[in-house]
């Protein structure tokens, strides 16, 4: 996670015992998890962002102003997921929570498989890190631990935190990740429908176990996908094949499934983005991506195409103090 700060004359030497008057601005990318065969393991950060501004004030209580996605729908008090994640992080490090004013500018669609809940969690945690700068040292390991504890799995929060293509797993010490850089020839396209999909419902459609052959198939495709994304984009159509989750969820997203089949029949590496219902196309270059946009426009004109880049920075936070700390 990238971090920057601007300081007043006092600086941030660690002598501060109060964060009242501090302001942070946070930017967190959208993500697409699974990428076909990499179920609950692979994720990619995309150049589509939620932005957050937080000011610490005297007193107690939380007020959240939401603009864009989720406005009029999500909570505007301490029950807001961003606010809950921020408060959770403060509590984790034994820090008192001041009165907070949050201003969220959301562009990541909710319930569409682009990591909106993961972005909200990461926004709150990273805001807490910024507000506590010079008081508490919150490491990248801490960030991933806390985000995974709140979100339940690391495949979305890892790329949101650190950017790029991430491989996430657990060992005895907790969640871990490895960040990889994506080949410059890979051109992501996200196709967003008007309808939503519940992640919980999507997960409930999968069986407890899968055939041995299917497991071996996905191991091979996951390994191939890493090679395709980092070195050989021409392999993406084979590398994005999956037998672990997409076919089981297809009945709940028939239009998503039909669109994926159309794209793949035309040689385009299309997969369900996260839990869906959006579709991610990992095109081999801008020309192939343009072909995908044209094809979708001819058959699915009500789906919004987002021609994006891979975000390599992940979440960023800027800390301000003094006269800057106003909303």
C-alpha atoms as a PDB file:
ATOM      1  CA  UNK A   1       0.000   0.000   0.000  1.00  0.00           C
ATOM      2  CA  UNK A   2       1.371   3.404  -0.958  1.00  0.00           C
ATOM      3  CA  UNK A   3       1.360   6.104   1.709  1.00  0.00           C
ATOM      4  CA  UNK A   4       2.090   9.812   1.490  1.00  0.00           C
ATOM      5  CA  UNK A   5       1.628  12.663   3.946  1.00  0.00           C
ATOM      6  CA  UNK A   6       1.821  16.421   4.270  1.00  0.00           C
ATOM      7  CA  UNK A   7       2.919  17.838   7.616  1.00  0.00           C
ATOM      8  CA  UNK A   8       2.440  20.990   9.627  1.00  0.00           C
ATOM      9  CA  UNK A   9       5.352  22.725  11.361  1.00  0.00           C
ATOM     10  CA  UNK A  10       5.155  20.228  14.235  1.00  0.00           C
ATOM     11  CA  UNK A  11       5.641  17.258  11.859  1.00  0.00           C
ATOM     12  CA  UNK A  12       4.552  13.779  12.921  1.00  0.00           C
ATOM     13  CA  UNK A  13       7.300  12.753  15.269  1.00  0.00           C
ATOM     14  CA  UNK A  14       5.228  10.347  17.332  1.00  0.00           C
ATOM     15  CA  UNK A  15       4.715  12.900  20.149  1.00  0.00           C
ATOM     16  CA  UNK A  16       1.047  13.444  19.290  1.00  0.00           C
ATOM     17  CA  UNK A  17      -1.426  11.871  21.693  1.00  0.00           C
ATOM     18  CA  UNK A  18      -4.498  13.282  19.973  1.00  0.00           C
ATOM     19  CA  UNK A  19      -5.508  13.019  16.334  1.00  0.00           C
ATOM     20  CA  UNK A  20      -8.165  15.728  16.562  1.00  0.00           C
ATOM     21  CA  UNK A  21      -7.701  18.063  13.611  1.00  0.00           C
ATOM     22  CA  UNK A  22      -6.176  15.470  11.325  1.00  0.00           C
ATOM     23  CA  UNK A  23      -7.629  14.737   7.913  1.00  0.00           C
ATOM     24  CA  UNK A  24      -6.869  11.863   5.572  1.00  0.00           C
ATOM     25  CA  UNK A  25      -7.804  11.325   1.957  1.00  0.00           C
ATOM     26  CA  UNK A  26      -7.909   7.747   0.698  1.00  0.00           C
ATOM     27  CA  UNK A  27      -8.193   6.195  -2.760  1.00  0.00           C
ATOM     28  CA  UNK A  28      -8.912   2.477  -3.236  1.00  0.00           C
ATOM     29  CA  UNK A  29      -9.165   0.543  -6.527  1.00  0.00           C
ATOM     30  CA  UNK A  30     -11.877  -1.822  -7.653  1.00  0.00           C
ATOM     31  CA  UNK A  31     -10.876  -5.459  -7.885  1.00  0.00           C
ATOM     32  CA  UNK A  32     -11.845  -8.597  -9.737  1.00  0.00           C
ATOM     33  CA  UNK A  33     -11.365 -11.868  -7.874  1.00  0.00           C
ATOM     34  CA  UNK A  34     -11.003 -15.490  -9.055  1.00  0.00           C
ATOM     35  CA  UNK A  35     -10.103 -14.551 -12.664  1.00  0.00           C
ATOM     36  CA  UNK A  36     -11.621 -17.831 -13.807  1.00  0.00           C
ATOM     37  CA  UNK A  37      -9.760 -20.780 -12.274  1.00  0.00           C
ATOM     38  CA  UNK A  38      -8.136 -19.012  -9.299  1.00  0.00           C
ATOM     39  CA  UNK A  39     -11.086 -19.372  -6.944  1.00  0.00           C
ATOM     40  CA  UNK A  40     -10.573 -17.590  -3.591  1.00  0.00           C
ATOM     41  CA  UNK A  41      -6.892 -17.171  -4.479  1.00  0.00           C
ATOM     42  CA  UNK A  42      -6.293 -14.754  -7.358  1.00  0.00           C
ATOM     43  CA  UNK A  43      -7.321 -11.115  -7.590  1.00  0.00           C
ATOM     44  CA  UNK A  44      -6.490  -8.087  -9.694  1.00  0.00           C
ATOM     45  CA  UNK A  45      -6.717  -4.357  -8.946  1.00  0.00           C
ATOM     46  CA  UNK A  46      -8.402  -2.218 -11.602  1.00  0.00           C
ATOM     47  CA  UNK A  47      -8.267   1.503 -12.387  1.00  0.00           C
ATOM     48  CA  UNK A  48     -11.718   2.349 -11.043  1.00  0.00           C
ATOM     49  CA  UNK A  49     -11.759   3.986  -7.634  1.00  0.00           C
ATOM     50  CA  UNK A  50     -13.642   4.829  -4.480  1.00  0.00           C
ATOM     51  CA  UNK A  51     -12.383   7.936  -2.697  1.00  0.00           C
ATOM     52  CA  UNK A  52     -12.763   8.849   0.963  1.00  0.00           C
ATOM     53  CA  UNK A  53     -12.081  11.893   3.105  1.00  0.00           C
ATOM     54  CA  UNK A  54     -12.055  11.613   6.907  1.00  0.00           C
ATOM     55  CA  UNK A  55     -11.686  14.357   9.512  1.00  0.00           C
ATOM     56  CA  UNK A  56     -11.123  13.656  13.226  1.00  0.00           C
ATOM     57  CA  UNK A  57     -12.994  16.118  15.470  1.00  0.00           C
ATOM     58  CA  UNK A  58     -13.616  16.718  19.172  1.00  0.00           C
ATOM     59  CA  UNK A  59     -16.298  14.581  20.733  1.00  0.00           C
ATOM     60  CA  UNK A  60     -17.800  11.273  19.681  1.00  0.00           C
ATOM     61  CA  UNK A  61     -20.029   9.869  16.987  1.00  0.00           C
ATOM     62  CA  UNK A  62     -19.755   9.174  13.270  1.00  0.00           C
ATOM     63  CA  UNK A  63     -21.349  10.941  10.319  1.00  0.00           C
ATOM     64  CA  UNK A  64     -20.919   9.579   6.791  1.00  0.00           C
ATOM     65  CA  UNK A  65     -21.761  11.526   3.654  1.00  0.00           C
ATOM     66  CA  UNK A  66     -22.105   9.212   0.654  1.00  0.00           C
ATOM     67  CA  UNK A  67     -21.974  10.403  -2.942  1.00  0.00           C
ATOM     68  CA  UNK A  68     -22.276   8.160  -5.998  1.00  0.00           C
ATOM     69  CA  UNK A  69     -22.780   4.423  -5.605  1.00  0.00           C
ATOM     70  CA  UNK A  70     -24.700   3.508  -2.475  1.00  0.00           C
ATOM     71  CA  UNK A  71     -26.046   7.018  -1.838  1.00  0.00           C
ATOM     72  CA  UNK A  72     -29.400   6.710  -0.112  1.00  0.00           C
ATOM     73  CA  UNK A  73     -28.840   2.979   0.416  1.00  0.00           C
ATOM     74  CA  UNK A  74     -25.883   2.410   2.749  1.00  0.00           C
ATOM     75  CA  UNK A  75     -25.731   3.473   6.390  1.00  0.00           C
ATOM     76  CA  UNK A  76     -24.554   6.999   7.186  1.00  0.00           C
ATOM     77  CA  UNK A  77     -23.586   6.377  10.821  1.00  0.00           C
ATOM     78  CA  UNK A  78     -21.299   4.006  12.702  1.00  0.00           C
ATOM     79  CA  UNK A  79     -22.971   1.051  10.940  1.00  0.00           C
ATOM     80  CA  UNK A  80     -21.482   2.092   7.613  1.00  0.00           C
ATOM     81  CA  UNK A  81     -18.940  -0.560   6.548  1.00  0.00           C
ATOM     82  CA  UNK A  82     -16.172   2.005   6.016  1.00  0.00           C
ATOM     83  CA  UNK A  83     -16.800   3.503   9.456  1.00  0.00           C
ATOM     84  CA  UNK A  84     -17.007   0.055  11.089  1.00  0.00           C
ATOM     85  CA  UNK A  85     -13.695  -0.967   9.524  1.00  0.00           C
ATOM     86  CA  UNK A  86     -12.053   2.257  10.681  1.00  0.00           C
ATOM     87  CA  UNK A  87     -13.383   1.830  14.237  1.00  0.00           C
ATOM     88  CA  UNK A  88     -12.366  -1.843  14.256  1.00  0.00           C
ATOM     89  CA  UNK A  89      -8.788  -0.864  13.394  1.00  0.00           C
ATOM     90  CA  UNK A  90      -8.664   1.770  16.138  1.00  0.00           C
ATOM     91  CA  UNK A  91      -9.938  -0.781  18.658  1.00  0.00           C
ATOM     92  CA  UNK A  92      -7.428  -3.366  17.433  1.00  0.00           C
ATOM     93  CA  UNK A  93      -4.609  -1.037  18.478  1.00  0.00           C
ATOM     94  CA  UNK A  94      -6.263   0.215  21.649  1.00  0.00           C
ATOM     95  CA  UNK A  95      -6.814   3.743  20.354  1.00  0.00           C
ATOM     96  CA  UNK A  96      -9.755   5.957  21.377  1.00  0.00           C
ATOM     97  CA  UNK A  97     -12.077   6.872  18.541  1.00  0.00           C
ATOM     98  CA  UNK A  98     -12.794  10.608  18.130  1.00  0.00           C
ATOM     99  CA  UNK A  99     -15.817  12.102  16.421  1.00  0.00           C
ATOM    100  CA  UNK A 100     -15.459  11.344  12.726  1.00  0.00           C
ATOM    101  CA  UNK A 101     -16.807  13.018   9.611  1.00  0.00           C
ATOM    102  CA  UNK A 102     -16.485  10.823   6.522  1.00  0.00           C
ATOM    103  CA  UNK A 103     -17.144  11.922   2.966  1.00  0.00           C
ATOM    104  CA  UNK A 104     -17.277   8.979   0.524  1.00  0.00           C
ATOM    105  CA  UNK A 105     -17.218   9.374  -3.243  1.00  0.00           C
ATOM    106  CA  UNK A 106     -18.058   5.932  -4.604  1.00  0.00           C
ATOM    107  CA  UNK A 107     -17.763   4.807  -8.207  1.00  0.00           C
ATOM    108  CA  UNK A 108     -17.358   1.039  -7.723  1.00  0.00           C
ATOM    109  CA  UNK A 109     -20.778  -0.569  -8.421  1.00  0.00           C
ATOM    110  CA  UNK A 110     -22.328  -2.386  -5.464  1.00  0.00           C
ATOM    111  CA  UNK A 111     -23.256  -6.056  -5.741  1.00  0.00           C
ATOM    112  CA  UNK A 112     -21.671  -6.466  -9.172  1.00  0.00           C
ATOM    113  CA  UNK A 113     -18.494  -8.467  -8.446  1.00  0.00           C
ATOM    114  CA  UNK A 114     -16.036  -5.555  -8.542  1.00  0.00           C
ATOM    115  CA  UNK A 115     -14.974  -5.692  -4.903  1.00  0.00           C
ATOM    116  CA  UNK A 116     -17.111  -2.875  -3.485  1.00  0.00           C
ATOM    117  CA  UNK A 117     -17.280  -4.374   0.013  1.00  0.00           C
ATOM    118  CA  UNK A 118     -13.556  -5.124  -0.014  1.00  0.00           C
ATOM    119  CA  UNK A 119     -12.878  -1.541  -1.104  1.00  0.00           C
ATOM    120  CA  UNK A 120     -15.042  -0.237   1.749  1.00  0.00           C
ATOM    121  CA  UNK A 121     -13.160  -2.365   4.276  1.00  0.00           C
ATOM    122  CA  UNK A 122      -9.779  -1.310   2.898  1.00  0.00           C
ATOM    123  CA  UNK A 123     -10.853   2.365   2.831  1.00  0.00           C
ATOM    124  CA  UNK A 124     -11.646   2.290   6.543  1.00  0.00           C
ATOM    125  CA  UNK A 125      -8.499   0.428   7.549  1.00  0.00           C
ATOM    126  CA  UNK A 126      -6.203   2.603   5.455  1.00  0.00           C
ATOM    127  CA  UNK A 127      -7.913   5.754   6.765  1.00  0.00           C
ATOM    128  CA  UNK A 128      -7.198   4.532  10.304  1.00  0.00           C
ATOM    129  CA  UNK A 129      -3.554   3.929   9.393  1.00  0.00           C
ATOM    130  CA  UNK A 130      -3.287   7.482   8.091  1.00  0.00           C
ATOM    131  CA  UNK A 131      -5.007   9.071  11.081  1.00  0.00           C
ATOM    132  CA  UNK A 132      -2.762   7.144  13.484  1.00  0.00           C
ATOM    133  CA  UNK A 133       0.482   7.905  11.670  1.00  0.00           C
ATOM    134  CA  UNK A 134       3.229   8.710  14.178  1.00  0.00           C
ATOM    135  CA  UNK A 135       1.168   7.189  16.992  1.00  0.00           C
ATOM    136  CA  UNK A 136       0.753   3.557  15.946  1.00  0.00           C
ATOM    137  CA  UNK A 137       2.856   1.691  13.394  1.00  0.00           C
ATOM    138  CA  UNK A 138       0.454  -0.338  11.227  1.00  0.00           C
ATOM    139  CA  UNK A 139       2.363  -2.632   8.857  1.00  0.00           C
ATOM    140  CA  UNK A 140       1.289  -4.189   5.561  1.00  0.00           C
ATOM    141  CA  UNK A 141       0.959  -7.494   7.400  1.00  0.00           C
ATOM    142  CA  UNK A 142      -1.379  -5.830   9.907  1.00  0.00           C
ATOM    143  CA  UNK A 143      -3.445  -4.320   7.098  1.00  0.00           C
ATOM    144  CA  UNK A 144      -3.984  -7.675   5.388  1.00  0.00           C
ATOM    145  CA  UNK A 145      -4.708  -9.425   8.702  1.00  0.00           C
ATOM    146  CA  UNK A 146      -7.351  -6.892   9.688  1.00  0.00           C
ATOM    147  CA  UNK A 147      -8.926  -6.664   6.228  1.00  0.00           C
ATOM    148  CA  UNK A 148      -9.192 -10.457   5.993  1.00  0.00           C
ATOM    149  CA  UNK A 149     -10.647 -10.699   9.499  1.00  0.00           C
ATOM    150  CA  UNK A 150     -13.395  -8.246   8.536  1.00  0.00           C
ATOM    151  CA  UNK A 151     -14.009  -9.393   4.946  1.00  0.00           C
ATOM    152  CA  UNK A 152     -13.613 -13.115   5.605  1.00  0.00           C
ATOM    153  CA  UNK A 153     -11.192 -13.897   2.755  1.00  0.00           C
ATOM    154  CA  UNK A 154      -8.175 -12.112   1.259  1.00  0.00           C
ATOM    155  CA  UNK A 155      -8.704 -12.495  -2.510  1.00  0.00           C
ATOM    156  CA  UNK A 156     -10.332  -9.053  -2.946  1.00  0.00           C
ATOM    157  CA  UNK A 157      -8.693  -7.089  -0.142  1.00  0.00           C
ATOM    158  CA  UNK A 158      -5.126  -8.081  -1.094  1.00  0.00           C
ATOM    159  CA  UNK A 159      -5.216  -6.436  -4.554  1.00  0.00           C
ATOM    160  CA  UNK A 160      -7.217  -3.496  -3.167  1.00  0.00           C
ATOM    161  CA  UNK A 161      -4.475  -2.912  -0.602  1.00  0.00           C
ATOM    162  CA  UNK A 162      -1.398  -3.598  -2.681  1.00  0.00           C
ATOM    163  CA  UNK A 163      -2.393  -3.332  -6.348  1.00  0.00           C
ATOM    164  CA  UNK A 164      -1.440  -5.495  -9.315  1.00  0.00           C
ATOM    165  CA  UNK A 165      -2.175  -9.204  -9.575  1.00  0.00           C
ATOM    166  CA  UNK A 166      -2.146 -10.907  -6.199  1.00  0.00           C
ATOM    167  CA  UNK A 167      -1.974 -14.505  -5.075  1.00  0.00           C
ATOM    168  CA  UNK A 168      -3.489 -14.887  -1.603  1.00  0.00           C
ATOM    169  CA  UNK A 169      -3.255 -17.812   0.795  1.00  0.00           C
ATOM    170  CA  UNK A 170      -3.203 -18.678   4.500  1.00  0.00           C
ATOM    171  CA  UNK A 171      -0.449 -20.249   6.545  1.00  0.00           C
ATOM    172  CA  UNK A 172       0.093 -20.729  10.300  1.00  0.00           C
ATOM    173  CA  UNK A 173       0.671 -16.990  10.762  1.00  0.00           C
ATOM    174  CA  UNK A 174      -2.481 -15.895   8.930  1.00  0.00           C
ATOM    175  CA  UNK A 175      -3.279 -14.489   5.484  1.00  0.00           C
ATOM    176  CA  UNK A 176      -0.398 -13.928   3.084  1.00  0.00           C
ATOM    177  CA  UNK A 177      -0.063 -12.462  -0.392  1.00  0.00           C
ATOM    178  CA  UNK A 178       2.324 -12.187  -3.311  1.00  0.00           C
ATOM    179  CA  UNK A 179       2.038  -9.242  -5.680  1.00  0.00           C
ATOM    180  CA  UNK A 180       2.867  -9.755  -9.360  1.00  0.00           C
ATOM    181  CA  UNK A 181       3.053  -7.287 -12.230  1.00  0.00           C
ATOM    182  CA  UNK A 182       0.756  -7.923 -15.171  1.00  0.00           C
ATOM    183  CA  UNK A 183       2.071  -8.032 -18.736  1.00  0.00           C
ATOM    184  CA  UNK A 184       1.480  -4.690 -20.448  1.00  0.00           C
ATOM    185  CA  UNK A 185      -0.370  -6.446 -23.279  1.00  0.00           C
ATOM    186  CA  UNK A 186      -3.251  -7.480 -21.009  1.00  0.00           C
ATOM    187  CA  UNK A 187      -6.210  -5.116 -21.534  1.00  0.00           C
ATOM    188  CA  UNK A 188      -8.999  -5.606 -18.952  1.00  0.00           C
ATOM    189  CA  UNK A 189     -12.631  -4.967 -19.807  1.00  0.00           C
ATOM    190  CA  UNK A 190     -15.420  -5.181 -17.229  1.00  0.00           C
ATOM    191  CA  UNK A 191     -18.997  -5.532 -18.461  1.00  0.00           C
ATOM    192  CA  UNK A 192     -21.452  -4.363 -15.811  1.00  0.00           C
ATOM    193  CA  UNK A 193     -25.179  -5.219 -15.893  1.00  0.00           C
ATOM    194  CA  UNK A 194     -27.990  -3.313 -14.198  1.00  0.00           C
ATOM    195  CA  UNK A 195     -28.827  -6.218 -11.871  1.00  0.00           C
ATOM    196  CA  UNK A 196     -26.989  -7.332  -8.740  1.00  0.00           C
ATOM    197  CA  UNK A 197     -25.832 -10.648  -7.308  1.00  0.00           C
ATOM    198  CA  UNK A 198     -25.486 -11.674  -3.665  1.00  0.00           C
ATOM    199  CA  UNK A 199     -22.048 -13.065  -2.856  1.00  0.00           C
ATOM    200  CA  UNK A 200     -23.595 -15.262  -0.158  1.00  0.00           C
ATOM    201  CA  UNK A 201     -26.071 -16.707  -2.680  1.00  0.00           C
ATOM    202  CA  UNK A 202     -23.315 -17.294  -5.227  1.00  0.00           C
ATOM    203  CA  UNK A 203     -21.230 -19.182  -2.669  1.00  0.00           C
ATOM    204  CA  UNK A 204     -24.209 -21.269  -1.539  1.00  0.00           C
ATOM    205  CA  UNK A 205     -24.575 -22.732  -5.038  1.00  0.00           C
ATOM    206  CA  UNK A 206     -21.216 -24.496  -4.938  1.00  0.00           C
ATOM    207  CA  UNK A 207     -20.897 -28.127  -3.807  1.00  0.00           C
ATOM    208  CA  UNK A 208     -18.881 -29.200  -0.761  1.00  0.00           C
ATOM    209  CA  UNK A 209     -16.599 -31.308  -2.957  1.00  0.00           C
ATOM    210  CA  UNK A 210     -15.723 -31.557  -6.649  1.00  0.00           C
ATOM    211  CA  UNK A 211     -14.522 -34.427  -8.857  1.00  0.00           C
ATOM    212  CA  UNK A 212     -10.789 -35.155  -8.762  1.00  0.00           C
ATOM    213  CA  UNK A 213     -10.447 -34.480 -12.484  1.00  0.00           C
ATOM    214  CA  UNK A 214     -11.994 -31.037 -12.076  1.00  0.00           C
ATOM    215  CA  UNK A 215      -9.617 -30.202  -9.232  1.00  0.00           C
ATOM    216  CA  UNK A 216      -6.601 -31.233 -11.330  1.00  0.00           C
ATOM    217  CA  UNK A 217      -7.985 -29.256 -14.273  1.00  0.00           C
ATOM    218  CA  UNK A 218      -8.178 -26.065 -12.197  1.00  0.00           C
ATOM    219  CA  UNK A 219      -4.709 -26.537 -10.733  1.00  0.00           C
ATOM    220  CA  UNK A 220      -3.286 -26.661 -14.241  1.00  0.00           C
ATOM    221  CA  UNK A 221      -5.308 -23.674 -15.431  1.00  0.00           C
ATOM    222  CA  UNK A 222      -4.424 -21.565 -12.377  1.00  0.00           C
ATOM    223  CA  UNK A 223      -0.729 -22.199 -12.956  1.00  0.00           C
ATOM    224  CA  UNK A 224      -1.137 -21.404 -16.638  1.00  0.00           C
ATOM    225  CA  UNK A 225      -3.049 -18.208 -15.804  1.00  0.00           C
ATOM    226  CA  UNK A 226      -0.106 -16.797 -13.840  1.00  0.00           C
ATOM    227  CA  UNK A 227       2.107 -17.377 -16.881  1.00  0.00           C
ATOM    228  CA  UNK A 228      -0.479 -15.875 -19.230  1.00  0.00           C
ATOM    229  CA  UNK A 229      -1.006 -12.734 -17.150  1.00  0.00           C
ATOM    230  CA  UNK A 230       2.669 -12.059 -16.481  1.00  0.00           C
ATOM    231  CA  UNK A 231       4.428 -13.345 -19.613  1.00  0.00           C
ATOM    232  CA  UNK A 232       2.201 -14.812 -22.339  1.00  0.00           C
ATOM    233  CA  UNK A 233      -1.179 -13.077 -22.897  1.00  0.00           C
ATOM    234  CA  UNK A 234      -1.769 -15.210 -25.996  1.00  0.00           C
ATOM    235  CA  UNK A 235      -2.545 -18.093 -23.594  1.00  0.00           C
ATOM    236  CA  UNK A 236      -5.366 -16.277 -21.790  1.00  0.00           C
ATOM    237  CA  UNK A 237      -8.276 -18.061 -23.466  1.00  0.00           C
ATOM    238  CA  UNK A 238      -7.025 -21.496 -22.310  1.00  0.00           C
ATOM    239  CA  UNK A 239      -5.746 -20.169 -18.990  1.00  0.00           C
ATOM    240  CA  UNK A 240      -9.138 -18.778 -17.917  1.00  0.00           C
ATOM    241  CA  UNK A 241     -11.039 -22.075 -18.186  1.00  0.00           C
ATOM    242  CA  UNK A 242     -12.674 -23.137 -14.927  1.00  0.00           C
ATOM    243  CA  UNK A 243     -14.556 -26.107 -13.484  1.00  0.00           C
ATOM    244  CA  UNK A 244     -14.743 -25.186  -9.795  1.00  0.00           C
ATOM    245  CA  UNK A 245     -17.320 -22.428  -9.441  1.00  0.00           C
ATOM    246  CA  UNK A 246     -18.649 -20.703 -12.568  1.00  0.00           C
ATOM    247  CA  UNK A 247     -20.780 -23.553 -13.914  1.00  0.00           C
ATOM    248  CA  UNK A 248     -22.399 -24.067 -10.492  1.00  0.00           C
ATOM    249  CA  UNK A 249     -23.358 -20.400 -10.279  1.00  0.00           C
ATOM    250  CA  UNK A 250     -24.576 -20.111 -13.866  1.00  0.00           C
ATOM    251  CA  UNK A 251     -28.213 -20.917 -13.031  1.00  0.00           C
ATOM    252  CA  UNK A 252     -28.416 -17.826 -10.806  1.00  0.00           C
ATOM    253  CA  UNK A 253     -26.908 -15.597 -13.514  1.00  0.00           C
ATOM    254  CA  UNK A 254     -28.185 -16.903 -16.868  1.00  0.00           C
ATOM    255  CA  UNK A 255     -27.511 -13.641 -18.737  1.00  0.00           C
ATOM    256  CA  UNK A 256     -23.975 -13.491 -17.350  1.00  0.00           C
ATOM    257  CA  UNK A 257     -23.363 -17.090 -18.380  1.00  0.00           C
ATOM    258  CA  UNK A 258     -24.756 -16.504 -21.885  1.00  0.00           C
ATOM    259  CA  UNK A 259     -22.554 -13.441 -22.363  1.00  0.00           C
ATOM    260  CA  UNK A 260     -19.464 -15.341 -21.243  1.00  0.00           C
ATOM    261  CA  UNK A 261     -20.218 -18.169 -23.654  1.00  0.00           C
ATOM    262  CA  UNK A 262     -20.690 -15.691 -26.521  1.00  0.00           C
ATOM    263  CA  UNK A 263     -17.381 -13.996 -25.799  1.00  0.00           C
ATOM    264  CA  UNK A 264     -15.442 -17.239 -25.369  1.00  0.00           C
ATOM    265  CA  UNK A 265     -16.892 -18.681 -28.571  1.00  0.00           C
ATOM    266  CA  UNK A 266     -15.374 -15.647 -30.273  1.00  0.00           C
ATOM    267  CA  UNK A 267     -11.931 -16.311 -28.788  1.00  0.00           C
ATOM    268  CA  UNK A 268     -12.156 -13.813 -25.927  1.00  0.00           C
ATOM    269  CA  UNK A 269     -11.004 -14.723 -22.406  1.00  0.00           C
ATOM    270  CA  UNK A 270     -14.191 -13.925 -20.471  1.00  0.00           C
ATOM    271  CA  UNK A 271     -14.909 -14.972 -16.886  1.00  0.00           C
ATOM    272  CA  UNK A 272     -17.263 -14.059 -14.061  1.00  0.00           C
ATOM    273  CA  UNK A 273     -15.862 -11.086 -12.152  1.00  0.00           C
ATOM    274  CA  UNK A 274     -15.755 -12.104  -8.494  1.00  0.00           C
ATOM    275  CA  UNK A 275     -19.126 -13.499  -7.468  1.00  0.00           C
ATOM    276  CA  UNK A 276     -20.743 -11.764 -10.450  1.00  0.00           C
ATOM    277  CA  UNK A 277     -22.851 -10.756 -12.180  1.00  0.00           C
ATOM    278  CA  UNK A 278     -20.290  -8.573 -14.015  1.00  0.00           C
ATOM    279  CA  UNK A 279     -18.092 -10.173 -16.656  1.00  0.00           C
ATOM    280  CA  UNK A 280     -14.325  -9.650 -16.848  1.00  0.00           C
ATOM    281  CA  UNK A 281     -12.616  -9.940 -20.219  1.00  0.00           C
ATOM    282  CA  UNK A 282      -8.833 -10.279 -20.143  1.00  0.00           C
ATOM    283  CA  UNK A 283      -8.104  -9.182 -23.684  1.00  0.00           C
ATOM    284  CA  UNK A 284      -4.769  -9.675 -25.415  1.00  0.00           C
ATOM    285  CA  UNK A 285      -4.243  -6.035 -26.361  1.00  0.00           C
ATOM    286  CA  UNK A 286      -6.463  -2.973 -27.000  1.00  0.00           C
ATOM    287  CA  UNK A 287      -7.569  -4.188 -30.457  1.00  0.00           C
ATOM    288  CA  UNK A 288      -8.973  -7.426 -29.037  1.00  0.00           C
ATOM    289  CA  UNK A 289     -10.667  -5.461 -26.262  1.00  0.00           C
ATOM    290  CA  UNK A 290     -12.277  -3.180 -28.853  1.00  0.00           C
ATOM    291  CA  UNK A 291     -13.585  -6.288 -30.626  1.00  0.00           C
ATOM    292  CA  UNK A 292     -15.141  -7.426 -27.354  1.00  0.00           C
ATOM    293  CA  UNK A 293     -16.830  -4.046 -26.792  1.00  0.00           C
ATOM    294  CA  UNK A 294     -18.261  -4.135 -30.320  1.00  0.00           C
ATOM    295  CA  UNK A 295     -19.526  -7.706 -29.925  1.00  0.00           C
ATOM    296  CA  UNK A 296     -21.211  -6.927 -26.599  1.00  0.00           C
ATOM    297  CA  UNK A 297     -22.774  -3.759 -28.028  1.00  0.00           C
ATOM    298  CA  UNK A 298     -24.397  -5.794 -30.784  1.00  0.00           C
ATOM    299  CA  UNK A 299     -25.952  -8.364 -28.427  1.00  0.00           C
ATOM    300  CA  UNK A 300     -26.035  -6.883 -24.901  1.00  0.00           C
ATOM    301  CA  UNK A 301     -26.419  -3.130 -25.322  1.00  0.00           C
ATOM    302  CA  UNK A 302     -27.734  -2.723 -21.759  1.00  0.00           C
ATOM    303  CA  UNK A 303     -24.395  -3.820 -20.249  1.00  0.00           C
ATOM    304  CA  UNK A 304     -21.965  -0.997 -19.403  1.00  0.00           C
ATOM    305  CA  UNK A 305     -18.418  -1.577 -20.748  1.00  0.00           C
ATOM    306  CA  UNK A 306     -15.555  -0.293 -18.591  1.00  0.00           C
ATOM    307  CA  UNK A 307     -12.230  -0.291 -20.434  1.00  0.00           C
ATOM    308  CA  UNK A 308      -9.773  -0.271 -17.554  1.00  0.00           C
ATOM    309  CA  UNK A 309      -6.097  -0.663 -16.784  1.00  0.00           C
ATOM    310  CA  UNK A 310      -4.486  -2.770 -14.084  1.00  0.00           C
ATOM    311  CA  UNK A 311      -3.890  -0.611 -11.016  1.00  0.00           C
ATOM    312  CA  UNK A 312      -0.367  -1.198  -9.712  1.00  0.00           C
ATOM    313  CA  UNK A 313      -0.374   1.098  -6.653  1.00  0.00           C
ATOM    314  CA  UNK A 314      -3.258  -0.241  -4.605  1.00  0.00           C
ATOM    315  CA  UNK A 315      -4.764   1.840  -1.795  1.00  0.00           C
ATOM    316  CA  UNK A 316      -3.184   5.225  -1.113  1.00  0.00           C
ATOM    317  CA  UNK A 317      -3.583   7.576   1.831  1.00  0.00           C
ATOM    318  CA  UNK A 318      -2.560  11.215   2.264  1.00  0.00           C
ATOM    319  CA  UNK A 319      -2.433  12.748   5.758  1.00  0.00           C
ATOM    320  CA  UNK A 320      -3.094  16.446   6.370  1.00  0.00           C
ATOM    321  CA  UNK A 321      -3.138  18.545   9.527  1.00  0.00           C
ATOM    322  CA  UNK A 322      -3.957  22.043  10.699  1.00  0.00           C
ATOM    323  CA  UNK A 323      -5.696  24.397   8.266  1.00  0.00           C
ATOM    324  CA  UNK A 324      -6.063  21.576   5.713  1.00  0.00           C
ATOM    325  CA  UNK A 325      -8.201  19.531   8.086  1.00  0.00           C
ATOM    326  CA  UNK A 326     -11.620  20.774   7.027  1.00  0.00           C
ATOM    327  CA  UNK A 327     -14.478  19.161   5.158  1.00  0.00           C
END
